[in-house]
Amino acid sequence: MACSRTPIVRQRKENTILPMASRLVHEVHSLVAFGLPYTHVHAKKDAFSQRAPGIRHRRVRHRKYRVFGCTWDFGDPFPAHENHRIEKIARWKGDVRAEEYMVSNAHDLDDRCWDREDIPRTERGAVRRYWESLCVWLVLNPNVLKSWAGVDVVAGRIHRVIDDVEVWEDDPTLRPAYAALYDRVSLLVRRNRSLREALVEYGGFDVAALSNIACTGRRGGLHYMTPFDKLLKVTELVS
């Protein structure tokens, strides 16, 4: 018997709670799990949202999301058949394409987690805001990214295990990718008061540190510093 796919419910316009995980959330999760934000993968996944805003865009390029409860669930989020497919992609198209496929599947898993159908609707907004503020907090704490996630955004190195040997592998794309992510976070902190309040309450930041972070946009800020220079300066301010 064929498995019926989960119906897509239209989001009410008056609902101000974040109905979808933002691109920032997806990219930070990829940064932690894979060592890079994979901006191009997430942009392609959610490109249809420009034509169909809200959760309706998940009808396109979100196959794993739509078969939730049929071929996978939270108890077995990455079943064996997906691992076999990853191995085939790696053999046929290379390791980079295989990792992009994993990033794409992780994107759909994030979306399902973001739905939080396991808790009442009245509580989902607070949980989602906390989740987003945690992602912002990680971007603003490169030392944590290095020690916990194995991603050294300052030196541009990713901790990997190759042939059972732990190495710090140089990746020239990491620093500019992280700098762009940091720039977006600076803008978000400047514009979102509830996010600033969450960072103060849960993230251990003080108002002065957040004010310095909020002034690091490309227009003005710390004497028109490059994103990477701003990263180093703000790291010094909040450490």
C-alpha atoms as a PDB file:
ATOM      1  CA  MET A   1       0.000   0.000   0.000  1.00  0.00           C
ATOM      2  CA  ALA A   2       1.405   3.391  -1.004  1.00  0.00           C
ATOM      3  CA  CYS A   3       2.160   5.797   1.743  1.00  0.00           C
ATOM      4  CA  SER A   4       0.177   9.034   1.644  1.00  0.00           C
ATOM      5  CA  ARG A   5       2.253  12.153   1.903  1.00  0.00           C
ATOM      6  CA  THR A   6       1.801  14.674   4.660  1.00  0.00           C
ATOM      7  CA  PRO A   7      -0.581  17.449   3.569  1.00  0.00           C
ATOM      8  CA  ILE A   8       0.699  20.984   3.429  1.00  0.00           C
ATOM      9  CA  VAL A   9      -1.303  23.380   5.585  1.00  0.00           C
ATOM     10  CA  ARG A  10      -1.457  27.020   4.540  1.00  0.00           C
ATOM     11  CA  GLN A  11      -0.048  29.362   7.148  1.00  0.00           C
ATOM     12  CA  ARG A  12      -2.336  32.131   8.372  1.00  0.00           C
ATOM     13  CA  LYS A  13      -1.168  35.609   7.419  1.00  0.00           C
ATOM     14  CA  GLU A  14      -1.795  36.973  10.877  1.00  0.00           C
ATOM     15  CA  ASN A  15       0.510  34.424  12.476  1.00  0.00           C
ATOM     16  CA  THR A  16       3.638  36.309  13.494  1.00  0.00           C
ATOM     17  CA  ILE A  17       5.414  33.228  14.867  1.00  0.00           C
ATOM     18  CA  LEU A  18       8.188  32.088  12.570  1.00  0.00           C
ATOM     19  CA  PRO A  19       6.524  29.308  10.486  1.00  0.00           C
ATOM     20  CA  MET A  20       9.711  28.240   8.732  1.00  0.00           C
ATOM     21  CA  ALA A  21      13.318  27.821   9.705  1.00  0.00           C
ATOM     22  CA  SER A  22      15.262  30.748   8.282  1.00  0.00           C
ATOM     23  CA  ARG A  23      18.191  30.297   5.922  1.00  0.00           C
ATOM     24  CA  LEU A  24      20.417  31.345   8.821  1.00  0.00           C
ATOM     25  CA  VAL A  25      19.257  28.382  10.911  1.00  0.00           C
ATOM     26  CA  HIS A  26      19.896  25.958   8.063  1.00  0.00           C
ATOM     27  CA  GLU A  27      23.332  27.391   7.329  1.00  0.00           C
ATOM     28  CA  VAL A  28      24.477  27.357  10.948  1.00  0.00           C
ATOM     29  CA  HIS A  29      23.380  23.734  11.290  1.00  0.00           C
ATOM     30  CA  SER A  30      25.364  22.886   8.158  1.00  0.00           C
ATOM     31  CA  LEU A  31      28.360  24.789   9.506  1.00  0.00           C
ATOM     32  CA  VAL A  32      28.286  22.709  12.674  1.00  0.00           C
ATOM     33  CA  ALA A  33      27.552  19.351  11.019  1.00  0.00           C
ATOM     34  CA  PHE A  34      29.569  19.626   7.796  1.00  0.00           C
ATOM     35  CA  GLY A  35      32.075  22.413   8.411  1.00  0.00           C
ATOM     36  CA  LEU A  36      30.600  24.801   5.822  1.00  0.00           C
ATOM     37  CA  PRO A  37      27.274  26.686   5.659  1.00  0.00           C
ATOM     38  CA  TYR A  38      26.486  25.404   2.139  1.00  0.00           C
ATOM     39  CA  THR A  39      24.599  28.561   1.265  1.00  0.00           C
ATOM     40  CA  HIS A  40      24.059  27.524  -2.356  1.00  0.00           C
ATOM     41  CA  VAL A  41      22.364  24.256  -1.365  1.00  0.00           C
ATOM     42  CA  HIS A  42      19.900  25.926   0.993  1.00  0.00           C
ATOM     43  CA  ALA A  43      19.207  28.763  -1.456  1.00  0.00           C
ATOM     44  CA  LYS A  44      18.326  26.239  -4.152  1.00  0.00           C
ATOM     45  CA  LYS A  45      16.166  24.221  -1.763  1.00  0.00           C
ATOM     46  CA  ASP A  46      14.075  27.245  -0.812  1.00  0.00           C
ATOM     47  CA  ALA A  47      14.097  29.064  -4.165  1.00  0.00           C
ATOM     48  CA  PHE A  48      10.424  28.223  -4.731  1.00  0.00           C
ATOM     49  CA  SER A  49       9.524  30.241  -1.625  1.00  0.00           C
ATOM     50  CA  GLN A  50       9.837  33.355  -3.822  1.00  0.00           C
ATOM     51  CA  ARG A  51       6.785  32.137  -5.755  1.00  0.00           C
ATOM     52  CA  ALA A  52       4.991  30.334  -2.934  1.00  0.00           C
ATOM     53  CA  PRO A  53       5.779  32.058   0.382  1.00  0.00           C
ATOM     54  CA  GLY A  54       5.392  30.176   3.621  1.00  0.00           C
ATOM     55  CA  ILE A  55       5.438  26.443   4.121  1.00  0.00           C
ATOM     56  CA  ARG A  56       3.802  25.833   0.716  1.00  0.00           C
ATOM     57  CA  HIS A  57       7.239  26.068  -0.899  1.00  0.00           C
ATOM     58  CA  ARG A  58       8.081  22.694   0.653  1.00  0.00           C
ATOM     59  CA  ARG A  59       6.123  21.040  -2.139  1.00  0.00           C
ATOM     60  CA  VAL A  60       9.190  21.609  -4.310  1.00  0.00           C
ATOM     61  CA  ARG A  61      12.684  20.141  -3.665  1.00  0.00           C
ATOM     62  CA  HIS A  62      11.640  18.890  -0.214  1.00  0.00           C
ATOM     63  CA  ARG A  63      10.976  15.236  -0.973  1.00  0.00           C
ATOM     64  CA  LYS A  64      12.349  13.924   2.325  1.00  0.00           C
ATOM     65  CA  TYR A  65      10.210  16.412   4.230  1.00  0.00           C
ATOM     66  CA  ARG A  66       7.055  15.228   2.451  1.00  0.00           C
ATOM     67  CA  VAL A  67       7.600  11.507   3.091  1.00  0.00           C
ATOM     68  CA  PHE A  68       8.065  11.955   6.825  1.00  0.00           C
ATOM     69  CA  GLY A  69       6.336   9.077   8.610  1.00  0.00           C
ATOM     70  CA  CYS A  70       6.584   6.894   5.520  1.00  0.00           C
ATOM     71  CA  THR A  71      10.259   6.166   4.878  1.00  0.00           C
ATOM     72  CA  TRP A  72      11.726   7.879   7.945  1.00  0.00           C
ATOM     73  CA  ASP A  73      10.854   9.400  11.302  1.00  0.00           C
ATOM     74  CA  PHE A  74      12.656  10.985  14.236  1.00  0.00           C
ATOM     75  CA  GLY A  75      13.514   7.540  15.599  1.00  0.00           C
ATOM     76  CA  ASP A  76      15.347   6.691  12.368  1.00  0.00           C
ATOM     77  CA  PRO A  77      16.059  10.019  10.607  1.00  0.00           C
ATOM     78  CA  PHE A  78      18.674   8.635   8.210  1.00  0.00           C
ATOM     79  CA  PRO A  79      17.634   5.088   7.223  1.00  0.00           C
ATOM     80  CA  ALA A  80      19.914   2.591   5.506  1.00  0.00           C
ATOM     81  CA  HIS A  81      18.610   3.241   1.983  1.00  0.00           C
ATOM     82  CA  GLU A  82      19.791   6.859   2.245  1.00  0.00           C
ATOM     83  CA  ASN A  83      23.284   5.717   3.215  1.00  0.00           C
ATOM     84  CA  HIS A  84      23.375   3.449   0.178  1.00  0.00           C
ATOM     85  CA  ARG A  85      22.357   6.340  -2.041  1.00  0.00           C
ATOM     86  CA  ILE A  86      25.065   8.575  -0.543  1.00  0.00           C
ATOM     87  CA  GLU A  87      27.666   5.907  -1.284  1.00  0.00           C
ATOM     88  CA  LYS A  88      26.472   5.651  -4.889  1.00  0.00           C
ATOM     89  CA  ILE A  89      26.593   9.417  -5.375  1.00  0.00           C
ATOM     90  CA  ALA A  90      30.119   9.486  -3.958  1.00  0.00           C
ATOM     91  CA  ARG A  91      31.226   6.798  -6.419  1.00  0.00           C
ATOM     92  CA  TRP A  92      29.515   8.331  -9.445  1.00  0.00           C
ATOM     93  CA  LYS A  93      29.802  12.071  -8.836  1.00  0.00           C
ATOM     94  CA  GLY A  94      32.385  12.541  -6.091  1.00  0.00           C
ATOM     95  CA  ASP A  95      32.494  13.344  -2.400  1.00  0.00           C
ATOM     96  CA  VAL A  96      31.407  16.977  -2.805  1.00  0.00           C
ATOM     97  CA  ARG A  97      28.120  16.069  -4.490  1.00  0.00           C
ATOM     98  CA  ALA A  98      27.530  13.343  -1.917  1.00  0.00           C
ATOM     99  CA  GLU A  99      27.952  15.838   0.923  1.00  0.00           C
ATOM    100  CA  GLU A 100      25.622  18.294  -0.819  1.00  0.00           C
ATOM    101  CA  TYR A 101      23.024  15.525  -0.947  1.00  0.00           C
ATOM    102  CA  MET A 102      23.472  14.981   2.801  1.00  0.00           C
ATOM    103  CA  VAL A 103      23.089  18.728   3.391  1.00  0.00           C
ATOM    104  CA  SER A 104      19.865  18.695   1.371  1.00  0.00           C
ATOM    105  CA  ASN A 105      18.442  15.840   3.446  1.00  0.00           C
ATOM    106  CA  ALA A 106      19.508  17.542   6.676  1.00  0.00           C
ATOM    107  CA  HIS A 107      17.651  20.670   5.504  1.00  0.00           C
ATOM    108  CA  ASP A 108      14.407  18.677   5.357  1.00  0.00           C
ATOM    109  CA  LEU A 109      15.075  17.187   8.774  1.00  0.00           C
ATOM    110  CA  ASP A 110      15.571  20.692  10.172  1.00  0.00           C
ATOM    111  CA  ASP A 111      12.248  21.762   8.679  1.00  0.00           C
ATOM    112  CA  ARG A 112      10.455  18.856  10.326  1.00  0.00           C
ATOM    113  CA  CYS A 113      12.095  19.629  13.658  1.00  0.00           C
ATOM    114  CA  TRP A 114      11.133  23.293  13.258  1.00  0.00           C
ATOM    115  CA  ASP A 115       7.449  22.360  12.874  1.00  0.00           C
ATOM    116  CA  ARG A 116       7.463  21.135  16.497  1.00  0.00           C
ATOM    117  CA  GLU A 117       4.189  19.280  16.154  1.00  0.00           C
ATOM    118  CA  ASP A 118       4.957  17.587  19.474  1.00  0.00           C
ATOM    119  CA  ILE A 119       4.189  20.714  21.513  1.00  0.00           C
ATOM    120  CA  PRO A 120       1.161  23.047  21.662  1.00  0.00           C
ATOM    121  CA  ARG A 121       1.007  25.836  19.070  1.00  0.00           C
ATOM    122  CA  THR A 122       1.110  28.448  21.814  1.00  0.00           C
ATOM    123  CA  GLU A 123       4.598  27.269  22.834  1.00  0.00           C
ATOM    124  CA  ARG A 124       6.149  26.881  19.384  1.00  0.00           C
ATOM    125  CA  GLY A 125       7.013  30.533  18.899  1.00  0.00           C
ATOM    126  CA  ALA A 126       9.159  30.703  22.041  1.00  0.00           C
ATOM    127  CA  VAL A 127      10.960  27.461  21.187  1.00  0.00           C
ATOM    128  CA  ARG A 128      11.684  28.631  17.657  1.00  0.00           C
ATOM    129  CA  ARG A 129      12.990  32.007  18.830  1.00  0.00           C
ATOM    130  CA  TYR A 130      15.275  30.261  21.324  1.00  0.00           C
ATOM    131  CA  TRP A 131      16.510  27.970  18.552  1.00  0.00           C
ATOM    132  CA  GLU A 132      17.267  30.899  16.261  1.00  0.00           C
ATOM    133  CA  SER A 133      19.011  32.826  19.034  1.00  0.00           C
ATOM    134  CA  LEU A 134      21.185  29.758  19.716  1.00  0.00           C
ATOM    135  CA  CYS A 135      22.268  29.775  16.056  1.00  0.00           C
ATOM    136  CA  VAL A 136      23.130  33.463  16.289  1.00  0.00           C
ATOM    137  CA  TRP A 137      25.016  32.841  19.530  1.00  0.00           C
ATOM    138  CA  LEU A 138      27.119  30.162  17.826  1.00  0.00           C
ATOM    139  CA  VAL A 139      28.048  32.493  14.970  1.00  0.00           C
ATOM    140  CA  LEU A 140      29.121  35.124  17.504  1.00  0.00           C
ATOM    141  CA  ASN A 141      31.287  32.612  19.386  1.00  0.00           C
ATOM    142  CA  PRO A 142      33.977  31.290  17.028  1.00  0.00           C
ATOM    143  CA  ASN A 143      35.849  29.718  19.937  1.00  0.00           C
ATOM    144  CA  VAL A 144      32.845  27.479  20.611  1.00  0.00           C
ATOM    145  CA  LEU A 145      32.614  26.572  16.935  1.00  0.00           C
ATOM    146  CA  LYS A 146      36.245  25.465  17.065  1.00  0.00           C
ATOM    147  CA  SER A 147      36.191  23.557  20.361  1.00  0.00           C
ATOM    148  CA  TRP A 148      32.711  22.028  20.094  1.00  0.00           C
ATOM    149  CA  ALA A 149      31.964  21.746  16.366  1.00  0.00           C
ATOM    150  CA  GLY A 150      35.507  21.355  15.078  1.00  0.00           C
ATOM    151  CA  VAL A 151      35.233  24.355  12.754  1.00  0.00           C
ATOM    152  CA  ASP A 152      38.025  26.922  13.039  1.00  0.00           C
ATOM    153  CA  VAL A 153      36.494  29.882  11.230  1.00  0.00           C
ATOM    154  CA  VAL A 154      39.410  32.170  12.086  1.00  0.00           C
ATOM    155  CA  ALA A 155      42.118  29.957  10.590  1.00  0.00           C
ATOM    156  CA  GLY A 156      39.859  28.469   7.918  1.00  0.00           C
ATOM    157  CA  ARG A 157      40.261  24.845   8.995  1.00  0.00           C
ATOM    158  CA  ILE A 158      37.823  21.960   9.537  1.00  0.00           C
ATOM    159  CA  HIS A 159      38.428  19.060  11.904  1.00  0.00           C
ATOM    160  CA  ARG A 160      37.973  15.796  10.020  1.00  0.00           C
ATOM    161  CA  VAL A 161      38.722  12.108  10.477  1.00  0.00           C
ATOM    162  CA  ILE A 162      40.440  10.715   7.369  1.00  0.00           C
ATOM    163  CA  ASP A 163      41.389   7.022   7.346  1.00  0.00           C
ATOM    164  CA  ASP A 164      40.898   6.944  11.131  1.00  0.00           C
ATOM    165  CA  VAL A 165      43.325   9.832  11.574  1.00  0.00           C
ATOM    166  CA  GLU A 166      42.159  13.166  13.044  1.00  0.00           C
ATOM    167  CA  VAL A 167      43.365  16.168  11.029  1.00  0.00           C
ATOM    168  CA  TRP A 168      42.655  19.879  10.729  1.00  0.00           C
ATOM    169  CA  GLU A 169      42.048  20.329   7.015  1.00  0.00           C
ATOM    170  CA  ASP A 170      42.469  23.749   5.373  1.00  0.00           C
ATOM    171  CA  ASP A 171      39.474  24.986   3.390  1.00  0.00           C
ATOM    172  CA  PRO A 172      39.915  28.340   1.589  1.00  0.00           C
ATOM    173  CA  THR A 173      36.146  28.802   1.252  1.00  0.00           C
ATOM    174  CA  LEU A 174      35.420  28.642   4.983  1.00  0.00           C
ATOM    175  CA  ARG A 175      36.542  32.116   6.096  1.00  0.00           C
ATOM    176  CA  PRO A 176      34.672  34.105   3.404  1.00  0.00           C
ATOM    177  CA  ALA A 177      31.585  31.919   3.866  1.00  0.00           C
ATOM    178  CA  TYR A 178      31.664  32.494   7.611  1.00  0.00           C
ATOM    179  CA  ALA A 179      32.318  36.220   7.200  1.00  0.00           C
ATOM    180  CA  ALA A 180      29.175  36.520   5.051  1.00  0.00           C
ATOM    181  CA  LEU A 181      27.210  34.588   7.680  1.00  0.00           C
ATOM    182  CA  TYR A 182      28.557  36.844  10.412  1.00  0.00           C
ATOM    183  CA  ASP A 183      27.590  39.927   8.421  1.00  0.00           C
ATOM    184  CA  ARG A 184      23.987  38.710   8.208  1.00  0.00           C
ATOM    185  CA  VAL A 185      23.938  38.001  11.931  1.00  0.00           C
ATOM    186  CA  SER A 186      25.140  41.539  12.654  1.00  0.00           C
ATOM    187  CA  LEU A 187      22.247  42.920  10.627  1.00  0.00           C
ATOM    188  CA  LEU A 188      19.797  40.611  12.366  1.00  0.00           C
ATOM    189  CA  VAL A 189      21.025  41.626  15.824  1.00  0.00           C
ATOM    190  CA  ARG A 190      20.687  45.286  14.881  1.00  0.00           C
ATOM    191  CA  ARG A 191      17.106  44.921  13.657  1.00  0.00           C
ATOM    192  CA  ASN A 192      15.616  42.327  16.007  1.00  0.00           C
ATOM    193  CA  ARG A 193      15.035  43.484  19.573  1.00  0.00           C
ATOM    194  CA  SER A 194      13.638  40.145  20.799  1.00  0.00           C
ATOM    195  CA  LEU A 195      16.772  38.446  19.517  1.00  0.00           C
ATOM    196  CA  ARG A 196      18.979  40.907  21.406  1.00  0.00           C
ATOM    197  CA  GLU A 197      16.954  40.263  24.561  1.00  0.00           C
ATOM    198  CA  ALA A 198      17.386  36.495  24.134  1.00  0.00           C
ATOM    199  CA  LEU A 199      21.149  36.864  23.678  1.00  0.00           C
ATOM    200  CA  VAL A 200      21.365  38.896  26.883  1.00  0.00           C
ATOM    201  CA  GLU A 201      19.134  36.523  28.857  1.00  0.00           C
ATOM    202  CA  TYR A 202      20.413  33.166  27.610  1.00  0.00           C
ATOM    203  CA  GLY A 203      23.679  33.874  25.816  1.00  0.00           C
ATOM    204  CA  GLY A 204      25.613  35.767  28.448  1.00  0.00           C
ATOM    205  CA  PHE A 205      26.039  38.910  26.337  1.00  0.00           C
ATOM    206  CA  ASP A 206      25.724  42.356  27.805  1.00  0.00           C
ATOM    207  CA  VAL A 207      24.061  45.308  26.125  1.00  0.00           C
ATOM    208  CA  ALA A 208      27.383  47.051  25.359  1.00  0.00           C
ATOM    209  CA  ALA A 209      28.773  44.013  23.532  1.00  0.00           C
ATOM    210  CA  LEU A 210      25.604  43.669  21.466  1.00  0.00           C
ATOM    211  CA  SER A 211      25.730  47.355  20.606  1.00  0.00           C
ATOM    212  CA  ASN A 212      29.227  46.878  19.197  1.00  0.00           C
ATOM    213  CA  ILE A 213      28.087  43.835  17.228  1.00  0.00           C
ATOM    214  CA  ALA A 214      25.098  45.711  15.866  1.00  0.00           C
ATOM    215  CA  CYS A 215      27.382  48.462  14.546  1.00  0.00           C
ATOM    216  CA  THR A 216      29.424  46.156  12.313  1.00  0.00           C
ATOM    217  CA  GLY A 217      27.320  46.316   9.171  1.00  0.00           C
ATOM    218  CA  ARG A 218      28.894  47.078   5.824  1.00  0.00           C
ATOM    219  CA  ARG A 219      27.593  50.654   5.878  1.00  0.00           C
ATOM    220  CA  GLY A 220      29.749  52.415   8.436  1.00  0.00           C
ATOM    221  CA  GLY A 221      30.374  50.518  11.646  1.00  0.00           C
ATOM    222  CA  LEU A 222      33.949  49.824  12.616  1.00  0.00           C
ATOM    223  CA  HIS A 223      35.593  52.142  10.088  1.00  0.00           C
ATOM    224  CA  TYR A 224      34.439  50.136   7.058  1.00  0.00           C
ATOM    225  CA  MET A 225      36.377  47.061   8.100  1.00  0.00           C
ATOM    226  CA  THR A 226      36.183  43.930   6.007  1.00  0.00           C
ATOM    227  CA  PRO A 227      33.857  41.204   7.399  1.00  0.00           C
ATOM    228  CA  PHE A 228      36.809  39.126   8.580  1.00  0.00           C
ATOM    229  CA  ASP A 229      38.470  42.101  10.297  1.00  0.00           C
ATOM    230  CA  LYS A 230      35.171  42.896  11.974  1.00  0.00           C
ATOM    231  CA  LEU A 231      34.932  39.315  13.132  1.00  0.00           C
ATOM    232  CA  LEU A 232      38.297  39.538  14.857  1.00  0.00           C
ATOM    233  CA  LYS A 233      37.425  42.885  16.452  1.00  0.00           C
ATOM    234  CA  VAL A 234      34.035  41.755  17.770  1.00  0.00           C
ATOM    235  CA  THR A 235      35.517  38.489  19.022  1.00  0.00           C
ATOM    236  CA  GLU A 236      37.874  40.594  21.103  1.00  0.00           C
ATOM    237  CA  LEU A 237      34.997  42.727  22.372  1.00  0.00           C
ATOM    238  CA  VAL A 238      32.807  39.863  23.558  1.00  0.00           C
ATOM    239  CA  SER A 239      35.506  37.518  24.855  1.00  0.00           C
END
